Amino acid sequence: QVQLVESGGGLVQPGGSLRLSCVASGRTFSRYDMGWFRQAPGKEREFVAHIRWNGGTTSYADSVKGRFTISRDIAKNTMYLQMSSLKFEDTAVYYCAAPRTYVTSPPNEDEYTYWGQGTQVTVSS
């Protein structure tokens, strides 16, 4: 049984930073792509970032490019999302996700099979 557990969310002022973590269990973590999505109140869930199983390729939504960094620590079975220069519009529940193997189109959430429970990020002054 694959489990994904996010943590690290919270309240932060505009311009601040947060680092989200996603701990995976239940399978060989190192062989699978991973991704981050988010859902703001009243909006559909949207793609944030993706990282290939080998960590060699990453991709980002235009709205977070240059401000967010996705990474992973294979030894710890953990994926991270370092968020900087946070804006009001970054307020959302953030989810980590994983496919059964790999994804062909990272922003397509239908390709992800496993999801965490989400962690709330609130950007407010």
PDB file of N, CA and C in Angstrom:
ATOM      1  N   GLN A   1       0.844  -1.189   0.000  1.00  0.00           N
ATOM      2  CA  GLN A   1       0.000   0.000   0.000  1.00  0.00           C
ATOM      3  C   GLN A   1       0.883   1.243   0.000  1.00  0.00           C
ATOM      4  N   VAL A   2       0.765   2.029  -1.063  1.00  0.00           N
ATOM      5  CA  VAL A   2       1.552   3.259  -1.159  1.00  0.00           C
ATOM      6  C   VAL A   2       0.890   4.347  -0.330  1.00  0.00           C
ATOM      7  N   GLN A   3       1.683   5.017   0.467  1.00  0.00           N
ATOM      8  CA  GLN A   3       1.182   6.139   1.254  1.00  0.00           C
ATOM      9  C   GLN A   3       2.069   7.346   1.039  1.00  0.00           C
ATOM     10  N   LEU A   4       1.431   8.494   0.897  1.00  0.00           N
ATOM     11  CA  LEU A   4       2.135   9.765   0.759  1.00  0.00           C
ATOM     12  C   LEU A   4       1.639  10.692   1.865  1.00  0.00           C
ATOM     13  N   VAL A   5       2.552  11.256   2.604  1.00  0.00           N
ATOM     14  CA  VAL A   5       2.184  12.124   3.717  1.00  0.00           C
ATOM     15  C   VAL A   5       2.918  13.444   3.596  1.00  0.00           C
ATOM     16  N   GLU A   6       2.150  14.525   3.416  1.00  0.00           N
ATOM     17  CA  GLU A   6       2.735  15.859   3.296  1.00  0.00           C
ATOM     18  C   GLU A   6       2.839  16.513   4.666  1.00  0.00           C
ATOM     19  N   SER A   7       3.758  17.444   4.764  1.00  0.00           N
ATOM     20  CA  SER A   7       3.891  18.271   5.961  1.00  0.00           C
ATOM     21  C   SER A   7       4.610  19.554   5.584  1.00  0.00           C
ATOM     22  N   GLY A   8       4.607  20.512   6.519  1.00  0.00           N
ATOM     23  CA  GLY A   8       5.363  21.731   6.300  1.00  0.00           C
ATOM     24  C   GLY A   8       4.524  22.947   5.952  1.00  0.00           C
ATOM     25  N   GLY A   9       3.233  22.759   5.770  1.00  0.00           N
ATOM     26  CA  GLY A   9       2.386  23.901   5.464  1.00  0.00           C
ATOM     27  C   GLY A   9       2.234  24.816   6.662  1.00  0.00           C
ATOM     28  N   GLY A  10       1.633  25.974   6.411  1.00  0.00           N
ATOM     29  CA  GLY A  10       1.423  26.922   7.497  1.00  0.00           C
ATOM     30  C   GLY A  10       1.062  28.287   6.990  1.00  0.00           C
ATOM     31  N   LEU A  11       1.126  29.257   7.898  1.00  0.00           N
ATOM     32  CA  LEU A  11       0.816  30.651   7.592  1.00  0.00           C
ATOM     33  C   LEU A  11       2.117  31.409   7.381  1.00  0.00           C
ATOM     34  N   VAL A  12       2.204  32.146   6.293  1.00  0.00           N
ATOM     35  CA  VAL A  12       3.421  32.886   5.978  1.00  0.00           C
ATOM     36  C   VAL A  12       3.039  34.217   5.350  1.00  0.00           C
ATOM     37  N   GLN A  13       3.853  35.221   5.575  1.00  0.00           N
ATOM     38  CA  GLN A  13       3.605  36.536   4.990  1.00  0.00           C
ATOM     39  C   GLN A  13       4.041  36.572   3.530  1.00  0.00           C
ATOM     40  N   PRO A  14       3.461  37.455   2.752  1.00  0.00           N
ATOM     41  CA  PRO A  14       3.918  37.614   1.357  1.00  0.00           C
ATOM     42  C   PRO A  14       5.416  37.890   1.312  1.00  0.00           C
ATOM     43  N   GLY A  15       6.079  37.227   0.370  1.00  0.00           N
ATOM     44  CA  GLY A  15       7.519  37.350   0.260  1.00  0.00           C
ATOM     45  C   GLY A  15       8.284  36.336   1.075  1.00  0.00           C
ATOM     46  N   GLY A  16       7.584  35.605   1.925  1.00  0.00           N
ATOM     47  CA  GLY A  16       8.227  34.623   2.784  1.00  0.00           C
ATOM     48  C   GLY A  16       8.471  33.300   2.081  1.00  0.00           C
ATOM     49  N   SER A  17       8.972  32.349   2.862  1.00  0.00           N
ATOM     50  CA  SER A  17       9.320  31.030   2.329  1.00  0.00           C
ATOM     51  C   SER A  17       8.764  29.922   3.200  1.00  0.00           C
ATOM     52  N   LEU A  18       8.553  28.793   2.570  1.00  0.00           N
ATOM     53  CA  LEU A  18       8.155  27.566   3.266  1.00  0.00           C
ATOM     54  C   LEU A  18       8.759  26.395   2.510  1.00  0.00           C
ATOM     55  N   ARG A  19       8.998  25.305   3.239  1.00  0.00           N
ATOM     56  CA  ARG A  19       9.416  24.078   2.576  1.00  0.00           C
ATOM     57  C   ARG A  19       8.437  22.962   2.931  1.00  0.00           C
ATOM     58  N   LEU A  20       7.823  22.412   1.912  1.00  0.00           N
ATOM     59  CA  LEU A  20       6.920  21.289   2.092  1.00  0.00           C
ATOM     60  C   LEU A  20       7.690  19.984   1.922  1.00  0.00           C
ATOM     61  N   SER A  21       7.258  18.974   2.653  1.00  0.00           N
ATOM     62  CA  SER A  21       7.847  17.647   2.535  1.00  0.00           C
ATOM     63  C   SER A  21       6.759  16.634   2.223  1.00  0.00           C
ATOM     64  N   CYS A  22       7.144  15.589   1.526  1.00  0.00           N
ATOM     65  CA  CYS A  22       6.235  14.483   1.240  1.00  0.00           C
ATOM     66  C   CYS A  22       7.008  13.194   1.456  1.00  0.00           C
ATOM     67  N   VAL A  23       6.600  12.440   2.454  1.00  0.00           N
ATOM     68  CA  VAL A  23       7.250  11.166   2.750  1.00  0.00           C
ATOM     69  C   VAL A  23       6.443  10.048   2.116  1.00  0.00           C
ATOM     70  N   ALA A  24       7.143   9.208   1.346  1.00  0.00           N
ATOM     71  CA  ALA A  24       6.492   8.102   0.653  1.00  0.00           C
ATOM     72  C   ALA A  24       6.848   6.775   1.310  1.00  0.00           C
ATOM     73  N   SER A  25       5.897   5.885   1.317  1.00  0.00           N
ATOM     74  CA  SER A  25       6.137   4.542   1.851  1.00  0.00           C
ATOM     75  C   SER A  25       5.337   3.538   1.044  1.00  0.00           C
ATOM     76  N   GLY A  26       5.756   2.296   1.101  1.00  0.00           N
ATOM     77  CA  GLY A  26       4.984   1.242   0.464  1.00  0.00           C
ATOM     78  C   GLY A  26       5.553   0.720  -0.835  1.00  0.00           C
ATOM     79  N   ARG A  27       6.607   1.354  -1.336  1.00  0.00           N
ATOM     80  CA  ARG A  27       7.222   0.817  -2.550  1.00  0.00           C
ATOM     81  C   ARG A  27       8.612   1.420  -2.696  1.00  0.00           C
ATOM     82  N   THR A  28       9.339   0.979  -3.734  1.00  0.00           N
ATOM     83  CA  THR A  28      10.677   1.498  -3.985  1.00  0.00           C
ATOM     84  C   THR A  28      10.558   2.904  -4.543  1.00  0.00           C
ATOM     85  N   PHE A  29      10.727   3.857  -3.698  1.00  0.00           N
ATOM     86  CA  PHE A  29      10.483   5.255  -4.008  1.00  0.00           C
ATOM     87  C   PHE A  29      11.330   5.765  -5.159  1.00  0.00           C
ATOM     88  N   SER A  30      12.543   5.280  -5.253  1.00  0.00           N
ATOM     89  CA  SER A  30      13.511   5.860  -6.186  1.00  0.00           C
ATOM     90  C   SER A  30      13.185   5.626  -7.647  1.00  0.00           C
ATOM     91  N   ARG A  31      12.254   4.699  -7.949  1.00  0.00           N
ATOM     92  CA  ARG A  31      12.004   4.353  -9.342  1.00  0.00           C
ATOM     93  C   ARG A  31      10.799   5.049  -9.948  1.00  0.00           C
ATOM     94  N   TYR A  32      10.235   6.023  -9.260  1.00  0.00           N
ATOM     95  CA  TYR A  32       8.981   6.594  -9.736  1.00  0.00           C
ATOM     96  C   TYR A  32       9.021   8.115  -9.739  1.00  0.00           C
ATOM     97  N   ASP A  33       8.351   8.673 -10.739  1.00  0.00           N
ATOM     98  CA  ASP A  33       8.173  10.121 -10.775  1.00  0.00           C
ATOM     99  C   ASP A  33       7.323  10.562  -9.582  1.00  0.00           C
ATOM    100  N   MET A  34       7.441  11.848  -9.290  1.00  0.00           N
ATOM    101  CA  MET A  34       6.621  12.438  -8.231  1.00  0.00           C
ATOM    102  C   MET A  34       6.202  13.838  -8.667  1.00  0.00           C
ATOM    103  N   GLY A  35       5.135  14.333  -8.060  1.00  0.00           N
ATOM    104  CA  GLY A  35       4.680  15.668  -8.412  1.00  0.00           C
ATOM    105  C   GLY A  35       3.999  16.377  -7.258  1.00  0.00           C
ATOM    106  N   TRP A  36       3.872  17.688  -7.417  1.00  0.00           N
ATOM    107  CA  TRP A  36       3.116  18.531  -6.483  1.00  0.00           C
ATOM    108  C   TRP A  36       1.969  19.205  -7.237  1.00  0.00           C
ATOM    109  N   PHE A  37       0.812  19.218  -6.614  1.00  0.00           N
ATOM    110  CA  PHE A  37      -0.347  19.927  -7.118  1.00  0.00           C
ATOM    111  C   PHE A  37      -0.884  20.803  -5.990  1.00  0.00           C
ATOM    112  N   ARG A  38      -1.781  21.725  -6.348  1.00  0.00           N
ATOM    113  CA  ARG A  38      -2.402  22.541  -5.312  1.00  0.00           C
ATOM    114  C   ARG A  38      -3.832  22.876  -5.714  1.00  0.00           C
ATOM    115  N   GLN A  39      -4.636  23.156  -4.703  1.00  0.00           N
ATOM    116  CA  GLN A  39      -6.029  23.535  -4.949  1.00  0.00           C
ATOM    117  C   GLN A  39      -6.378  24.697  -4.044  1.00  0.00           C
ATOM    118  N   ALA A  40      -6.687  25.823  -4.680  1.00  0.00           N
ATOM    119  CA  ALA A  40      -7.106  27.019  -3.954  1.00  0.00           C
ATOM    120  C   ALA A  40      -8.614  26.968  -3.746  1.00  0.00           C
ATOM    121  N   PRO A  41      -9.124  27.695  -2.764  1.00  0.00           N
ATOM    122  CA  PRO A  41     -10.564  27.706  -2.500  1.00  0.00           C
ATOM    123  C   PRO A  41     -11.345  28.111  -3.741  1.00  0.00           C
ATOM    124  N   GLY A  42     -12.335  27.309  -4.084  1.00  0.00           N
ATOM    125  CA  GLY A  42     -13.192  27.621  -5.213  1.00  0.00           C
ATOM    126  C   GLY A  42     -12.584  27.371  -6.576  1.00  0.00           C
ATOM    127  N   LYS A  43     -11.390  26.782  -6.604  1.00  0.00           N
ATOM    128  CA  LYS A  43     -10.713  26.532  -7.881  1.00  0.00           C
ATOM    129  C   LYS A  43     -10.407  25.052  -8.042  1.00  0.00           C
ATOM    130  N   GLU A  44     -10.131  24.670  -9.278  1.00  0.00           N
ATOM    131  CA  GLU A  44      -9.750  23.295  -9.545  1.00  0.00           C
ATOM    132  C   GLU A  44      -8.297  23.065  -9.140  1.00  0.00           C
ATOM    133  N   ARG A  45      -8.009  21.813  -8.883  1.00  0.00           N
ATOM    134  CA  ARG A  45      -6.634  21.461  -8.553  1.00  0.00           C
ATOM    135  C   ARG A  45      -5.740  21.711  -9.767  1.00  0.00           C
ATOM    136  N   GLU A  46      -4.536  22.219  -9.515  1.00  0.00           N
ATOM    137  CA  GLU A  46      -3.644  22.562 -10.612  1.00  0.00           C
ATOM    138  C   GLU A  46      -2.243  22.029 -10.348  1.00  0.00           C
ATOM    139  N   PHE A  47      -1.542  21.796 -11.424  1.00  0.00           N
ATOM    140  CA  PHE A  47      -0.171  21.317 -11.376  1.00  0.00           C
ATOM    141  C   PHE A  47       0.764  22.389 -10.847  1.00  0.00           C
ATOM    142  N   VAL A  48       1.729  21.973 -10.042  1.00  0.00           N
ATOM    143  CA  VAL A  48       2.735  22.892  -9.523  1.00  0.00           C
ATOM    144  C   VAL A  48       4.131  22.513 -10.023  1.00  0.00           C
ATOM    145  N   ALA A  49       4.535  21.262  -9.779  1.00  0.00           N
ATOM    146  CA  ALA A  49       5.897  20.848 -10.154  1.00  0.00           C
ATOM    147  C   ALA A  49       5.969  19.327 -10.254  1.00  0.00           C
ATOM    148  N   HIS A  50       6.986  18.886 -10.970  1.00  0.00           N
ATOM    149  CA  HIS A  50       7.183  17.451 -11.198  1.00  0.00           C
ATOM    150  C   HIS A  50       8.676  17.152 -11.214  1.00  0.00           C
ATOM    151  N   ILE A  51       9.015  15.944 -10.770  1.00  0.00           N
ATOM    152  CA  ILE A  51      10.416  15.527 -10.819  1.00  0.00           C
ATOM    153  C   ILE A  51      10.474  14.085 -11.302  1.00  0.00           C
ATOM    154  N   ARG A  52      11.385  13.817 -12.223  1.00  0.00           N
ATOM    155  CA  ARG A  52      11.558  12.470 -12.749  1.00  0.00           C
ATOM    156  C   ARG A  52      12.129  11.551 -11.685  1.00  0.00           C
ATOM    157  N   TRP A  53      11.940  10.243 -11.903  1.00  0.00           N
ATOM    158  CA  TRP A  53      12.345   9.265 -10.903  1.00  0.00           C
ATOM    159  C   TRP A  53      13.823   9.371 -10.561  1.00  0.00           C
ATOM    160  N   ASN A  54      14.648   9.755 -11.532  1.00  0.00           N
ATOM    161  CA  ASN A  54      16.083   9.844 -11.276  1.00  0.00           C
ATOM    162  C   ASN A  54      16.505  11.230 -10.808  1.00  0.00           C
ATOM    163  N   GLY A  55      15.520  12.119 -10.662  1.00  0.00           N
ATOM    164  CA  GLY A  55      15.828  13.456 -10.185  1.00  0.00           C
ATOM    165  C   GLY A  55      16.496  14.347 -11.214  1.00  0.00           C
ATOM    166  N   GLY A  56      16.666  13.835 -12.440  1.00  0.00           N
ATOM    167  CA  GLY A  56      17.415  14.576 -13.435  1.00  0.00           C
ATOM    168  C   GLY A  56      16.616  15.620 -14.177  1.00  0.00           C
ATOM    169  N   THR A  57      15.308  15.482 -14.189  1.00  0.00           N
ATOM    170  CA  THR A  57      14.471  16.423 -14.927  1.00  0.00           C
ATOM    171  C   THR A  57      13.354  16.929 -14.034  1.00  0.00           C
ATOM    172  N   THR A  58      13.157  18.231 -14.052  1.00  0.00           N
ATOM    173  CA  THR A  58      12.069  18.837 -13.296  1.00  0.00           C
ATOM    174  C   THR A  58      11.260  19.733 -14.217  1.00  0.00           C
ATOM    175  N   SER A  59      10.022  19.978 -13.851  1.00  0.00           N
ATOM    176  CA  SER A  59       9.190  20.910 -14.605  1.00  0.00           C
ATOM    177  C   SER A  59       8.285  21.651 -13.637  1.00  0.00           C
ATOM    178  N   TYR A  60       7.898  22.847 -14.033  1.00  0.00           N
ATOM    179  CA  TYR A  60       7.126  23.725 -13.156  1.00  0.00           C
ATOM    180  C   TYR A  60       5.996  24.410 -13.917  1.00  0.00           C
ATOM    181  N   ALA A  61       4.964  24.738 -13.189  1.00  0.00           N
ATOM    182  CA  ALA A  61       3.931  25.609 -13.723  1.00  0.00           C
ATOM    183  C   ALA A  61       4.545  26.999 -13.901  1.00  0.00           C
ATOM    184  N   ASP A  62       4.090  27.707 -14.907  1.00  0.00           N
ATOM    185  CA  ASP A  62       4.632  29.053 -15.157  1.00  0.00           C
ATOM    186  C   ASP A  62       4.464  29.969 -13.952  1.00  0.00           C
ATOM    187  N   SER A  63       3.387  29.764 -13.211  1.00  0.00           N
ATOM    188  CA  SER A  63       3.072  30.649 -12.088  1.00  0.00           C
ATOM    189  C   SER A  63       4.062  30.521 -10.929  1.00  0.00           C
ATOM    190  N   VAL A  64       4.825  29.418 -10.889  1.00  0.00           N
ATOM    191  CA  VAL A  64       5.759  29.227  -9.771  1.00  0.00           C
ATOM    192  C   VAL A  64       7.213  29.157 -10.231  1.00  0.00           C
ATOM    193  N   LYS A  65       7.417  29.153 -11.531  1.00  0.00           N
ATOM    194  CA  LYS A  65       8.776  29.020 -12.073  1.00  0.00           C
ATOM    195  C   LYS A  65       9.669  30.141 -11.556  1.00  0.00           C
ATOM    196  N   GLY A  66      10.847  29.768 -11.074  1.00  0.00           N
ATOM    197  CA  GLY A  66      11.781  30.752 -10.541  1.00  0.00           C
ATOM    198  C   GLY A  66      11.587  31.041  -9.061  1.00  0.00           C
ATOM    199  N   ARG A  67      10.470  30.580  -8.501  1.00  0.00           N
ATOM    200  CA  ARG A  67      10.202  30.805  -7.075  1.00  0.00           C
ATOM    201  C   ARG A  67      10.166  29.507  -6.289  1.00  0.00           C
ATOM    202  N   PHE A  68       9.725  28.425  -6.921  1.00  0.00           N
ATOM    203  CA  PHE A  68       9.616  27.122  -6.259  1.00  0.00           C
ATOM    204  C   PHE A  68      10.676  26.182  -6.815  1.00  0.00           C
ATOM    205  N   THR A  69      11.144  25.281  -5.948  1.00  0.00           N
ATOM    206  CA  THR A  69      12.112  24.272  -6.357  1.00  0.00           C
ATOM    207  C   THR A  69      11.691  22.913  -5.816  1.00  0.00           C
ATOM    208  N   ILE A  70      11.572  21.946  -6.714  1.00  0.00           N
ATOM    209  CA  ILE A  70      11.230  20.589  -6.325  1.00  0.00           C
ATOM    210  C   ILE A  70      12.507  19.768  -6.239  1.00  0.00           C
ATOM    211  N   SER A  71      12.569  18.904  -5.246  1.00  0.00           N
ATOM    212  CA  SER A  71      13.742  18.046  -5.090  1.00  0.00           C
ATOM    213  C   SER A  71      13.326  16.774  -4.356  1.00  0.00           C
ATOM    214  N   ARG A  72      14.257  15.832  -4.278  1.00  0.00           N
ATOM    215  CA  ARG A  72      13.945  14.601  -3.564  1.00  0.00           C
ATOM    216  C   ARG A  72      15.201  14.044  -2.924  1.00  0.00           C
ATOM    217  N   ASP A  73      14.994  13.350  -1.825  1.00  0.00           N
ATOM    218  CA  ASP A  73      16.068  12.661  -1.118  1.00  0.00           C
ATOM    219  C   ASP A  73      15.700  11.186  -1.110  1.00  0.00           C
ATOM    220  N   ILE A  74      16.349  10.421  -2.004  1.00  0.00           N
ATOM    221  CA  ILE A  74      16.024   9.011  -2.158  1.00  0.00           C
ATOM    222  C   ILE A  74      16.244   8.249  -0.858  1.00  0.00           C
ATOM    223  N   ALA A  75      17.307   8.544  -0.178  1.00  0.00           N
ATOM    224  CA  ALA A  75      17.629   7.820   1.052  1.00  0.00           C
ATOM    225  C   ALA A  75      16.555   7.995   2.115  1.00  0.00           C
ATOM    226  N   LYS A  76      15.880   9.139   2.090  1.00  0.00           N
ATOM    227  CA  LYS A  76      14.848   9.430   3.083  1.00  0.00           C
ATOM    228  C   LYS A  76      13.444   9.201   2.540  1.00  0.00           C
ATOM    229  N   ASN A  77      13.336   8.727   1.294  1.00  0.00           N
ATOM    230  CA  ASN A  77      12.026   8.542   0.671  1.00  0.00           C
ATOM    231  C   ASN A  77      11.177   9.802   0.752  1.00  0.00           C
ATOM    232  N   THR A  78      11.797  10.919   0.564  1.00  0.00           N
ATOM    233  CA  THR A  78      11.124  12.194   0.770  1.00  0.00           C
ATOM    234  C   THR A  78      11.302  13.113  -0.426  1.00  0.00           C
ATOM    235  N   MET A  79      10.232  13.788  -0.786  1.00  0.00           N
ATOM    236  CA  MET A  79      10.249  14.811  -1.813  1.00  0.00           C
ATOM    237  C   MET A  79       9.979  16.147  -1.143  1.00  0.00           C
ATOM    238  N   TYR A  80      10.553  17.197  -1.686  1.00  0.00           N
ATOM    239  CA  TYR A  80      10.415  18.530  -1.099  1.00  0.00           C
ATOM    240  C   TYR A  80       9.895  19.522  -2.138  1.00  0.00           C
ATOM    241  N   LEU A  81       9.284  20.575  -1.623  1.00  0.00           N
ATOM    242  CA  LEU A  81       8.941  21.725  -2.448  1.00  0.00           C
ATOM    243  C   LEU A  81       9.370  22.957  -1.667  1.00  0.00           C
ATOM    244  N   GLN A  82      10.473  23.559  -2.093  1.00  0.00           N
ATOM    245  CA  GLN A  82      10.937  24.791  -1.484  1.00  0.00           C
ATOM    246  C   GLN A  82      10.222  25.948  -2.164  1.00  0.00           C
ATOM    247  N   MET A  83       9.490  26.717  -1.383  1.00  0.00           N
ATOM    248  CA  MET A  83       8.701  27.812  -1.925  1.00  0.00           C
ATOM    249  C   MET A  83       9.258  29.131  -1.392  1.00  0.00           C
ATOM    250  N   SER A  84       9.567  30.031  -2.299  1.00  0.00           N
ATOM    251  CA  SER A  84      10.113  31.334  -1.924  1.00  0.00           C
ATOM    252  C   SER A  84       9.298  32.427  -2.595  1.00  0.00           C
ATOM    253  N   SER A  85       9.492  33.648  -2.113  1.00  0.00           N
ATOM    254  CA  SER A  85       8.780  34.808  -2.676  1.00  0.00           C
ATOM    255  C   SER A  85       7.287  34.522  -2.790  1.00  0.00           C
ATOM    256  N   LEU A  86       6.729  33.994  -1.727  1.00  0.00           N
ATOM    257  CA  LEU A  86       5.334  33.579  -1.768  1.00  0.00           C
ATOM    258  C   LEU A  86       4.397  34.749  -1.956  1.00  0.00           C
ATOM    259  N   LYS A  87       3.326  34.497  -2.695  1.00  0.00           N
ATOM    260  CA  LYS A  87       2.330  35.501  -3.011  1.00  0.00           C
ATOM    261  C   LYS A  87       0.975  35.076  -2.442  1.00  0.00           C
ATOM    262  N   PHE A  88       0.068  36.048  -2.347  1.00  0.00           N
ATOM    263  CA  PHE A  88      -1.278  35.734  -1.864  1.00  0.00           C
ATOM    264  C   PHE A  88      -1.885  34.586  -2.678  1.00  0.00           C
ATOM    265  N   GLU A  89      -1.654  34.617  -3.979  1.00  0.00           N
ATOM    266  CA  GLU A  89      -2.282  33.624  -4.848  1.00  0.00           C
ATOM    267  C   GLU A  89      -1.675  32.237  -4.727  1.00  0.00           C
ATOM    268  N   ASP A  90      -0.649  32.079  -3.923  1.00  0.00           N
ATOM    269  CA  ASP A  90      -0.101  30.747  -3.649  1.00  0.00           C
ATOM    270  C   ASP A  90      -0.873  30.035  -2.547  1.00  0.00           C
ATOM    271  N   THR A  91      -1.809  30.737  -1.945  1.00  0.00           N
ATOM    272  CA  THR A  91      -2.630  30.118  -0.898  1.00  0.00           C
ATOM    273  C   THR A  91      -3.437  28.964  -1.464  1.00  0.00           C
ATOM    274  N   ALA A  92      -3.277  27.791  -0.874  1.00  0.00           N
ATOM    275  CA  ALA A  92      -3.945  26.588  -1.392  1.00  0.00           C
ATOM    276  C   ALA A  92      -3.616  25.409  -0.483  1.00  0.00           C
ATOM    277  N   VAL A  93      -4.325  24.322  -0.712  1.00  0.00           N
ATOM    278  CA  VAL A  93      -3.923  23.043  -0.149  1.00  0.00           C
ATOM    279  C   VAL A  93      -2.974  22.399  -1.155  1.00  0.00           C
ATOM    280  N   TYR A  94      -1.813  22.000  -0.683  1.00  0.00           N
ATOM    281  CA  TYR A  94      -0.797  21.410  -1.550  1.00  0.00           C
ATOM    282  C   TYR A  94      -0.774  19.896  -1.365  1.00  0.00           C
ATOM    283  N   TYR A  95      -0.777  19.188  -2.492  1.00  0.00           N
ATOM    284  CA  TYR A  95      -0.804  17.732  -2.493  1.00  0.00           C
ATOM    285  C   TYR A  95       0.427  17.171  -3.193  1.00  0.00           C
ATOM    286  N   CYS A  96       0.988  16.121  -2.644  1.00  0.00           N
ATOM    287  CA  CYS A  96       1.989  15.387  -3.399  1.00  0.00           C
ATOM    288  C   CYS A  96       1.307  14.207  -4.064  1.00  0.00           C
ATOM    289  N   ALA A  97       1.864  13.771  -5.173  1.00  0.00           N
ATOM    290  CA  ALA A  97       1.240  12.727  -5.967  1.00  0.00           C
ATOM    291  C   ALA A  97       2.300  11.885  -6.655  1.00  0.00           C
ATOM    292  N   ALA A  98       1.919  10.649  -6.943  1.00  0.00           N
ATOM    293  CA  ALA A  98       2.838   9.751  -7.639  1.00  0.00           C
ATOM    294  C   ALA A  98       2.055   8.874  -8.605  1.00  0.00           C
ATOM    295  N   PRO A  99       2.642   8.576  -9.752  1.00  0.00           N
ATOM    296  CA  PRO A  99       2.005   7.665 -10.694  1.00  0.00           C
ATOM    297  C   PRO A  99       2.369   6.221 -10.338  1.00  0.00           C
ATOM    298  N   ARG A 100       1.829   5.280 -11.089  1.00  0.00           N
ATOM    299  CA  ARG A 100       2.226   3.888 -10.880  1.00  0.00           C
ATOM    300  C   ARG A 100       3.680   3.678 -11.292  1.00  0.00           C
ATOM    301  N   THR A 101       4.105   4.388 -12.344  1.00  0.00           N
ATOM    302  CA  THR A 101       5.496   4.288 -12.792  1.00  0.00           C
ATOM    303  C   THR A 101       6.036   5.673 -13.112  1.00  0.00           C
ATOM    304  N   TYR A 102       5.712   6.186 -14.295  1.00  0.00           N
ATOM    305  CA  TYR A 102       6.155   7.508 -14.684  1.00  0.00           C
ATOM    306  C   TYR A 102       5.003   8.203 -15.432  1.00  0.00           C
ATOM    307  N   VAL A 103       5.139   9.489 -15.618  1.00  0.00           N
ATOM    308  CA  VAL A 103       4.117  10.239 -16.341  1.00  0.00           C
ATOM    309  C   VAL A 103       4.687  10.714 -17.669  1.00  0.00           C
ATOM    310  N   THR A 104       3.806  10.803 -18.664  1.00  0.00           N
ATOM    311  CA  THR A 104       4.219  11.310 -19.969  1.00  0.00           C
ATOM    312  C   THR A 104       3.934  12.800 -20.083  1.00  0.00           C
ATOM    313  N   SER A 105       2.924  13.250 -19.332  1.00  0.00           N
ATOM    314  CA  SER A 105       2.575  14.667 -19.319  1.00  0.00           C
ATOM    315  C   SER A 105       2.461  15.100 -17.861  1.00  0.00           C
ATOM    316  N   PRO A 106       3.509  15.662 -17.294  1.00  0.00           N
ATOM    317  CA  PRO A 106       3.524  15.985 -15.862  1.00  0.00           C
ATOM    318  C   PRO A 106       2.336  16.784 -15.336  1.00  0.00           C
ATOM    319  N   PRO A 107       1.806  17.748 -16.098  1.00  0.00           N
ATOM    320  CA  PRO A 107       0.689  18.511 -15.538  1.00  0.00           C
ATOM    321  C   PRO A 107      -0.649  17.759 -15.502  1.00  0.00           C
ATOM    322  N   ASN A 108      -0.709  16.595 -16.142  1.00  0.00           N
ATOM    323  CA  ASN A 108      -1.960  15.863 -16.226  1.00  0.00           C
ATOM    324  C   ASN A 108      -2.182  15.043 -14.958  1.00  0.00           C
ATOM    325  N   GLU A 109      -3.069  15.498 -14.112  1.00  0.00           N
ATOM    326  CA  GLU A 109      -3.256  14.816 -12.823  1.00  0.00           C
ATOM    327  C   GLU A 109      -3.854  13.426 -12.983  1.00  0.00           C
ATOM    328  N   ASP A 110      -4.473  13.155 -14.124  1.00  0.00           N
ATOM    329  CA  ASP A 110      -5.036  11.814 -14.343  1.00  0.00           C
ATOM    330  C   ASP A 110      -3.950  10.745 -14.406  1.00  0.00           C
ATOM    331  N   GLU A 111      -2.721  11.163 -14.652  1.00  0.00           N
ATOM    332  CA  GLU A 111      -1.630  10.195 -14.733  1.00  0.00           C
ATOM    333  C   GLU A 111      -1.086   9.808 -13.360  1.00  0.00           C
ATOM    334  N   TYR A 112      -1.538  10.499 -12.329  1.00  0.00           N
ATOM    335  CA  TYR A 112      -1.060  10.225 -10.972  1.00  0.00           C
ATOM    336  C   TYR A 112      -2.078   9.352 -10.253  1.00  0.00           C
ATOM    337  N   THR A 113      -1.600   8.291  -9.654  1.00  0.00           N
ATOM    338  CA  THR A 113      -2.480   7.320  -9.012  1.00  0.00           C
ATOM    339  C   THR A 113      -2.589   7.535  -7.504  1.00  0.00           C
ATOM    340  N   TYR A 114      -1.488   7.910  -6.898  1.00  0.00           N
ATOM    341  CA  TYR A 114      -1.432   8.008  -5.436  1.00  0.00           C
ATOM    342  C   TYR A 114      -1.353   9.476  -5.020  1.00  0.00           C
ATOM    343  N   TRP A 115      -2.113   9.802  -3.983  1.00  0.00           N
ATOM    344  CA  TRP A 115      -2.188  11.192  -3.523  1.00  0.00           C
ATOM    345  C   TRP A 115      -2.062  11.245  -2.003  1.00  0.00           C
ATOM    346  N   GLY A 116      -1.448  12.304  -1.533  1.00  0.00           N
ATOM    347  CA  GLY A 116      -1.412  12.552  -0.100  1.00  0.00           C
ATOM    348  C   GLY A 116      -2.688  13.244   0.348  1.00  0.00           C
ATOM    349  N   GLN A 117      -2.759  13.524   1.636  1.00  0.00           N
ATOM    350  CA  GLN A 117      -3.966  14.132   2.200  1.00  0.00           C
ATOM    351  C   GLN A 117      -3.961  15.649   2.058  1.00  0.00           C
ATOM    352  N   GLY A 118      -2.814  16.215   1.736  1.00  0.00           N
ATOM    353  CA  GLY A 118      -2.718  17.655   1.530  1.00  0.00           C
ATOM    354  C   GLY A 118      -2.229  18.395   2.763  1.00  0.00           C
ATOM    355  N   THR A 119      -1.588  19.527   2.523  1.00  0.00           N
ATOM    356  CA  THR A 119      -1.145  20.408   3.602  1.00  0.00           C
ATOM    357  C   THR A 119      -1.484  21.843   3.210  1.00  0.00           C
ATOM    358  N   GLN A 120      -2.045  22.585   4.149  1.00  0.00           N
ATOM    359  CA  GLN A 120      -2.532  23.938   3.860  1.00  0.00           C
ATOM    360  C   GLN A 120      -1.384  24.949   3.899  1.00  0.00           C
ATOM    361  N   VAL A 121      -1.320  25.753   2.864  1.00  0.00           N
ATOM    362  CA  VAL A 121      -0.397  26.892   2.822  1.00  0.00           C
ATOM    363  C   VAL A 121      -1.242  28.154   2.702  1.00  0.00           C
ATOM    364  N   THR A 122      -1.060  29.066   3.636  1.00  0.00           N
ATOM    365  CA  THR A 122      -1.800  30.318   3.623  1.00  0.00           C
ATOM    366  C   THR A 122      -0.816  31.482   3.607  1.00  0.00           C
ATOM    367  N   VAL A 123      -0.929  32.303   2.577  1.00  0.00           N
ATOM    368  CA  VAL A 123      -0.076  33.491   2.462  1.00  0.00           C
ATOM    369  C   VAL A 123      -0.939  34.695   2.794  1.00  0.00           C
ATOM    370  N   SER A 124      -0.609  35.342   3.903  1.00  0.00           N
ATOM    371  CA  SER A 124      -1.437  36.450   4.374  1.00  0.00           C
ATOM    372  C   SER A 124      -0.594  37.412   5.193  1.00  0.00           C
ATOM    373  N   SER A 125      -0.956  38.687   5.109  1.00  0.00           N
ATOM    374  CA  SER A 125      -0.264  39.687   5.918  1.00  0.00           C
ATOM    375  C   SER A 125      -1.031  39.953   7.202  1.00  0.00           C
TER     376      SER A 125
END
